[in-house]
Amino acid sequence: MKGGLTDARTHSRRVAISEQDYLRAQLREFRYRVDRALRVIGQARAHGRIAISFSGGKDSTVLLDLVRRVAPDSVAGFWDSGAELQSTYDLVAHYGVEMVQPKMSFPEMCRYGGWWGHPNPVEKGKRFPYDKILIHEPSRRFCEKHQCSVVAVGLRADESGVREIRARQHGELDWIDRSETWMLCPLTWWTTDDIWAYIASRNLRYNAAYDQMAEMGVPRREQRISTLLDKTAATTGRFAVLKRLDPGLWNQLVIDFPNLRRFA
């Protein structure tokens, strides 16, 4: 099933959602944010077909539903890092999102680029182009394949100072000269609580890992689904969570990257 409501039997735990989420969904402020997001998506649609960047996280789940409500002809892609939770792959399949493979997996890039204890063969003073290989190049190929002029991403200003600065400079819809596409960020001014209110109000299926993290006591603002080998994972305690969340994946990763044990 793609987008919208889902059979509750396919995702029955839903412990990540609270009664407060349903109450928040009734607030005028929340309804305004939803209406604003739908309007800006409509504006973006006038520029051409929309490509949705889907990560399997809560924000991209809401993004996917919002865009599909306005632009049913949009296409969604998941850039597979090669180090993802099984629950993420399950959600990708559930929503009919296209799998996009980069030229190198993230574990391969980490081995080659010198992360997590591997020697660094990259010329001194230069940074291995992780973002280019994992995100930008697959995104370009995906947009060319589906003839998309707009890329929708689930960025929110409250996630970091850098994103807030970007949001204030570029807004929710901006022309990106270097890629000759429009970037659509309809969730720019949403909060984490807004995201969960929308999921609750639309009864959306979300990544089951959120239920597991909620049961583990991980605060909402610290719950992450994104690329597991990112360096920020070491400083935010995500490896300790991963060890409990998906022991099989954790054991696979520490075979290649023994240094990860230090952070869990």
Protein backbone atom coordinates (compact mmCIF):
# COMPACT_ATOMS: atom_id res chain seq x y z
CA MET A 1 0.00 0.00 0.00
CA LYS A 2 1.35 3.46 -0.91
CA GLY A 3 0.88 6.50 1.33
CA GLY A 4 -2.10 7.50 3.42
CA LEU A 5 -3.86 5.25 5.89
CA THR A 6 -2.57 1.81 6.69
CA ASP A 7 -4.10 -1.32 8.15
CA ALA A 8 -3.48 -1.10 11.91
CA ARG A 9 -2.79 -4.83 11.99
CA THR A 10 0.44 -4.26 10.03
CA HIS A 11 1.81 -1.97 12.72
CA SER A 12 -0.02 -2.63 15.97
CA ARG A 13 2.46 -1.54 18.67
CA ARG A 14 2.62 2.21 18.03
CA VAL A 15 4.06 2.94 21.48
CA ALA A 16 6.01 5.88 20.03
CA ILE A 17 2.71 7.77 19.72
CA SER A 18 1.07 9.37 22.76
CA GLU A 19 -2.37 10.81 23.47
CA GLN A 20 -0.77 14.26 23.32
CA ASP A 21 -0.01 13.71 19.65
CA TYR A 22 -3.69 13.26 18.84
CA LEU A 23 -4.53 16.36 20.88
CA ARG A 24 -1.84 18.42 19.16
CA ALA A 25 -3.27 17.45 15.78
CA GLN A 26 -6.45 19.33 16.71
CA LEU A 27 -4.66 22.63 17.38
CA ARG A 28 -5.12 25.56 14.99
CA GLU A 29 -1.34 26.11 14.88
CA PHE A 30 -0.77 22.53 13.73
CA ARG A 31 -3.51 22.69 11.08
CA TYR A 32 -1.95 25.92 9.79
CA ARG A 33 1.43 24.20 9.36
CA VAL A 34 -0.16 21.33 7.45
CA ASP A 35 -2.06 23.72 5.18
CA ARG A 36 1.09 25.78 4.59
CA ALA A 37 3.07 22.65 3.69
CA LEU A 38 0.39 21.55 1.23
CA ARG A 39 0.36 25.01 -0.38
CA VAL A 40 4.13 25.15 -0.87
CA ILE A 41 4.06 21.65 -2.37
CA GLY A 42 1.41 22.89 -4.80
CA GLN A 43 3.69 25.80 -5.73
CA ALA A 44 6.58 23.39 -6.28
CA ARG A 45 4.48 21.14 -8.47
CA ALA A 46 4.07 24.01 -10.92
CA HIS A 47 7.82 23.77 -11.60
CA GLY A 48 7.68 20.12 -12.69
CA ARG A 49 7.62 16.59 -11.38
CA ILE A 50 8.70 16.10 -7.75
CA ALA A 51 11.28 13.56 -6.54
CA ILE A 52 10.92 12.68 -2.85
CA SER A 53 14.04 11.81 -0.85
CA PHE A 54 12.90 9.07 1.53
CA SER A 55 15.18 7.96 4.38
CA GLY A 56 12.78 5.74 6.30
CA GLY A 57 12.69 8.17 9.23
CA LYS A 58 9.68 9.95 10.73
CA ASP A 59 10.25 13.22 8.84
CA SER A 60 10.51 11.61 5.42
CA THR A 61 7.43 9.48 6.19
CA VAL A 62 5.42 12.66 6.76
CA LEU A 63 7.04 14.29 3.71
CA LEU A 64 6.07 11.33 1.54
CA ASP A 65 2.43 11.48 2.60
CA LEU A 66 2.16 15.26 2.20
CA VAL A 67 3.69 15.30 -1.29
CA ARG A 68 1.63 12.37 -2.51
CA ARG A 69 -1.55 14.11 -1.35
CA VAL A 70 -0.80 17.05 -3.64
CA ALA A 71 1.27 15.40 -6.40
CA PRO A 72 0.26 11.76 -6.97
CA ASP A 73 2.62 11.63 -9.95
CA SER A 74 5.66 12.26 -7.73
CA VAL A 75 8.32 9.55 -7.33
CA ALA A 76 10.15 8.56 -4.15
CA GLY A 77 13.69 7.24 -3.89
CA PHE A 78 15.67 5.69 -1.05
CA TRP A 79 19.44 6.08 -1.28
CA ASP A 80 20.61 2.77 0.21
CA SER A 81 23.77 3.23 2.27
CA GLY A 82 24.24 -0.52 2.72
CA ALA A 83 24.09 -0.12 6.51
CA GLU A 84 20.41 0.29 7.32
CA LEU A 85 17.97 -1.23 9.80
CA GLN A 86 15.78 -4.05 8.51
CA SER A 87 12.76 -2.04 9.68
CA THR A 88 13.85 0.73 7.30
CA TYR A 89 13.95 -1.64 4.34
CA ASP A 90 10.52 -2.95 5.39
CA LEU A 91 9.10 0.57 5.33
CA VAL A 92 10.67 1.32 1.95
CA ALA A 93 8.92 -1.75 0.54
CA HIS A 94 5.63 -0.90 2.25
CA TYR A 95 5.43 2.55 0.66
CA GLY A 96 6.63 1.42 -2.74
CA VAL A 97 9.75 3.58 -2.65
CA GLU A 98 12.40 2.92 -5.29
CA MET A 99 15.75 1.63 -4.04
CA VAL A 100 18.70 3.63 -5.40
CA GLN A 101 22.19 2.17 -5.06
CA PRO A 102 25.23 4.48 -4.88
CA LYS A 103 28.42 3.48 -6.68
CA MET A 104 29.92 2.49 -3.32
CA SER A 105 28.15 1.42 -0.13
CA PHE A 106 28.80 3.47 3.00
CA PRO A 107 30.79 0.62 4.64
CA GLU A 108 32.95 0.47 1.51
CA MET A 109 33.45 4.24 1.64
CA CYS A 110 34.38 4.06 5.32
CA ARG A 111 36.99 1.37 4.61
CA TYR A 112 38.42 3.32 1.70
CA GLY A 113 38.12 6.77 3.27
CA GLY A 114 39.75 5.87 6.55
CA TRP A 115 36.85 5.93 9.02
CA TRP A 116 36.47 3.72 12.10
CA GLY A 117 40.03 2.46 12.32
CA HIS A 118 40.84 1.84 8.65
CA PRO A 119 43.95 3.46 7.14
CA ASN A 120 43.28 6.60 5.12
CA PRO A 121 44.60 6.40 1.52
CA VAL A 122 43.07 9.76 0.59
CA GLU A 123 45.59 12.52 -0.12
CA LYS A 124 46.42 14.52 3.01
CA GLY A 125 44.27 17.60 3.41
CA LYS A 126 41.48 16.25 1.22
CA ARG A 127 38.17 14.84 2.41
CA PHE A 128 36.67 11.69 0.93
CA PRO A 129 33.48 12.72 -0.97
CA TYR A 130 30.97 10.73 1.12
CA ASP A 131 28.03 13.08 0.47
CA LYS A 132 28.70 13.23 -3.25
CA ILE A 133 28.78 9.43 -3.60
CA LEU A 134 25.98 8.59 -1.19
CA ILE A 135 23.52 11.44 -1.81
CA HIS A 136 24.25 13.94 -4.57
CA GLU A 137 25.21 11.60 -7.43
CA PRO A 138 22.35 9.08 -6.80
CA SER A 139 19.94 12.01 -6.51
CA ARG A 140 21.08 13.39 -9.86
CA ARG A 141 20.66 9.99 -11.54
CA PHE A 142 17.22 9.53 -9.99
CA CYS A 143 15.99 12.94 -11.14
CA GLU A 144 17.30 12.38 -14.66
CA LYS A 145 15.69 8.93 -14.85
CA HIS A 146 12.27 10.22 -13.79
CA GLN A 147 12.59 13.70 -15.37
CA CYS A 148 12.09 15.54 -12.08
CA SER A 149 12.67 19.27 -11.66
CA VAL A 150 12.03 19.41 -7.89
CA VAL A 151 13.62 17.45 -5.04
CA ALA A 152 11.61 17.25 -1.80
CA VAL A 153 13.55 16.67 1.42
CA GLY A 154 12.44 16.44 5.05
CA LEU A 155 14.80 19.05 6.52
CA ARG A 156 13.62 20.93 9.62
CA ALA A 157 15.14 24.15 10.95
CA ASP A 158 15.02 23.06 14.59
CA GLU A 159 17.36 20.10 14.00
CA SER A 160 20.54 22.21 13.92
CA GLY A 161 21.84 25.76 13.77
CA VAL A 162 23.12 25.22 10.23
CA ARG A 163 19.69 24.10 9.03
CA GLU A 164 18.01 27.09 10.67
CA ILE A 165 20.40 29.47 8.91
CA ARG A 166 19.72 27.72 5.60
CA ALA A 167 15.98 27.90 6.20
CA ARG A 168 16.07 31.63 6.89
CA GLN A 169 18.18 32.25 3.79
CA HIS A 170 16.35 30.01 1.33
CA GLY A 171 12.89 29.31 2.73
CA GLU A 172 10.77 26.28 1.88
CA LEU A 173 11.21 26.38 -1.91
CA ASP A 174 14.43 27.50 -3.56
CA TRP A 175 16.14 27.22 -6.96
CA ILE A 176 19.49 25.41 -6.75
CA ASP A 177 21.65 26.67 -9.63
CA ARG A 178 24.40 24.05 -9.45
CA SER A 179 21.94 21.17 -9.80
CA GLU A 180 19.40 23.02 -11.96
CA THR A 181 16.57 21.83 -9.73
CA TRP A 182 14.27 23.25 -7.10
CA MET A 183 14.68 22.17 -3.48
CA LEU A 184 11.40 21.73 -1.62
CA CYS A 185 11.45 21.70 2.20
CA PRO A 186 7.79 21.82 3.33
CA LEU A 187 8.65 20.73 6.89
CA THR A 188 11.08 23.59 7.47
CA TRP A 189 9.24 25.14 10.43
CA TRP A 190 7.77 21.94 11.89
CA THR A 191 8.78 20.56 15.29
CA THR A 192 9.31 16.95 16.32
CA ASP A 193 5.92 17.05 18.05
CA ASP A 194 4.29 18.30 14.83
CA ILE A 195 5.75 15.32 12.98
CA TRP A 196 4.30 12.83 15.44
CA ALA A 197 0.96 14.67 15.53
CA TYR A 198 0.72 14.30 11.75
CA ILE A 199 1.63 10.60 11.87
CA ALA A 200 -1.02 10.05 14.54
CA SER A 201 -3.71 12.07 12.77
CA ARG A 202 -3.16 10.28 9.45
CA ASN A 203 -2.60 6.88 11.06
CA LEU A 204 0.58 6.49 9.02
CA ARG A 205 2.77 3.46 9.22
CA TYR A 206 6.20 4.51 10.48
CA ASN A 207 9.55 2.83 11.10
CA ALA A 208 9.08 0.16 13.80
CA ALA A 209 12.48 1.11 15.26
CA TYR A 210 10.81 4.15 16.86
CA ASP A 211 8.63 1.87 18.97
CA GLN A 212 11.72 -0.04 20.06
CA MET A 213 13.57 3.16 20.96
CA ALA A 214 10.56 4.49 22.86
CA GLU A 215 10.45 1.27 24.88
CA MET A 216 14.18 1.64 25.57
CA GLY A 217 13.59 5.14 26.95
CA VAL A 218 15.40 7.03 24.21
CA PRO A 219 14.05 10.64 24.19
CA ARG A 220 12.21 11.65 21.04
CA ARG A 221 14.73 14.26 19.98
CA GLU A 222 17.51 11.66 20.15
CA GLN A 223 15.76 8.98 18.11
CA ARG A 224 17.56 8.57 14.78
CA ILE A 225 17.10 6.23 11.83
CA SER A 226 19.60 7.78 9.40
CA THR A 227 22.87 6.32 8.12
CA LEU A 228 24.29 4.28 10.97
CA LEU A 229 28.00 4.81 10.25
CA ASP A 230 27.86 8.60 10.28
CA LYS A 231 30.54 10.05 12.58
CA THR A 232 27.95 11.89 14.67
CA ALA A 233 26.74 8.48 15.86
CA ALA A 234 29.83 8.19 18.06
CA THR A 235 29.07 11.38 19.98
CA THR A 236 25.31 10.95 20.31
CA GLY A 237 25.18 7.43 21.76
CA ARG A 238 23.57 5.91 18.67
CA PHE A 239 25.91 2.91 18.57
CA ALA A 240 24.83 1.90 22.07
CA VAL A 241 21.22 2.10 20.90
CA LEU A 242 21.98 0.17 17.69
CA LYS A 243 23.58 -2.65 19.68
CA ARG A 244 20.24 -3.25 21.41
CA LEU A 245 18.05 -2.25 18.49
CA ASP A 246 19.47 -4.61 15.87
CA PRO A 247 22.10 -7.00 17.33
CA GLY A 248 22.52 -8.79 14.00
CA LEU A 249 23.41 -5.64 12.11
CA TRP A 250 25.63 -4.47 14.98
CA ASN A 251 27.61 -7.73 14.91
CA GLN A 252 28.09 -7.42 11.15
CA LEU A 253 29.39 -3.86 11.47
CA VAL A 254 31.89 -4.56 14.26
CA ILE A 255 33.47 -7.34 12.19
CA ASP A 256 34.50 -4.71 9.64
CA PHE A 257 34.91 -1.87 12.14
CA PRO A 258 36.14 -3.21 15.53
CA ASN A 259 36.66 0.35 16.77
CA LEU A 260 32.89 0.77 17.03
CA ARG A 261 32.92 -1.30 20.21
CA ARG A 262 34.43 1.68 22.02
CA PHE A 263 31.22 3.65 21.54
CA ALA A 264 28.73 1.03 22.70
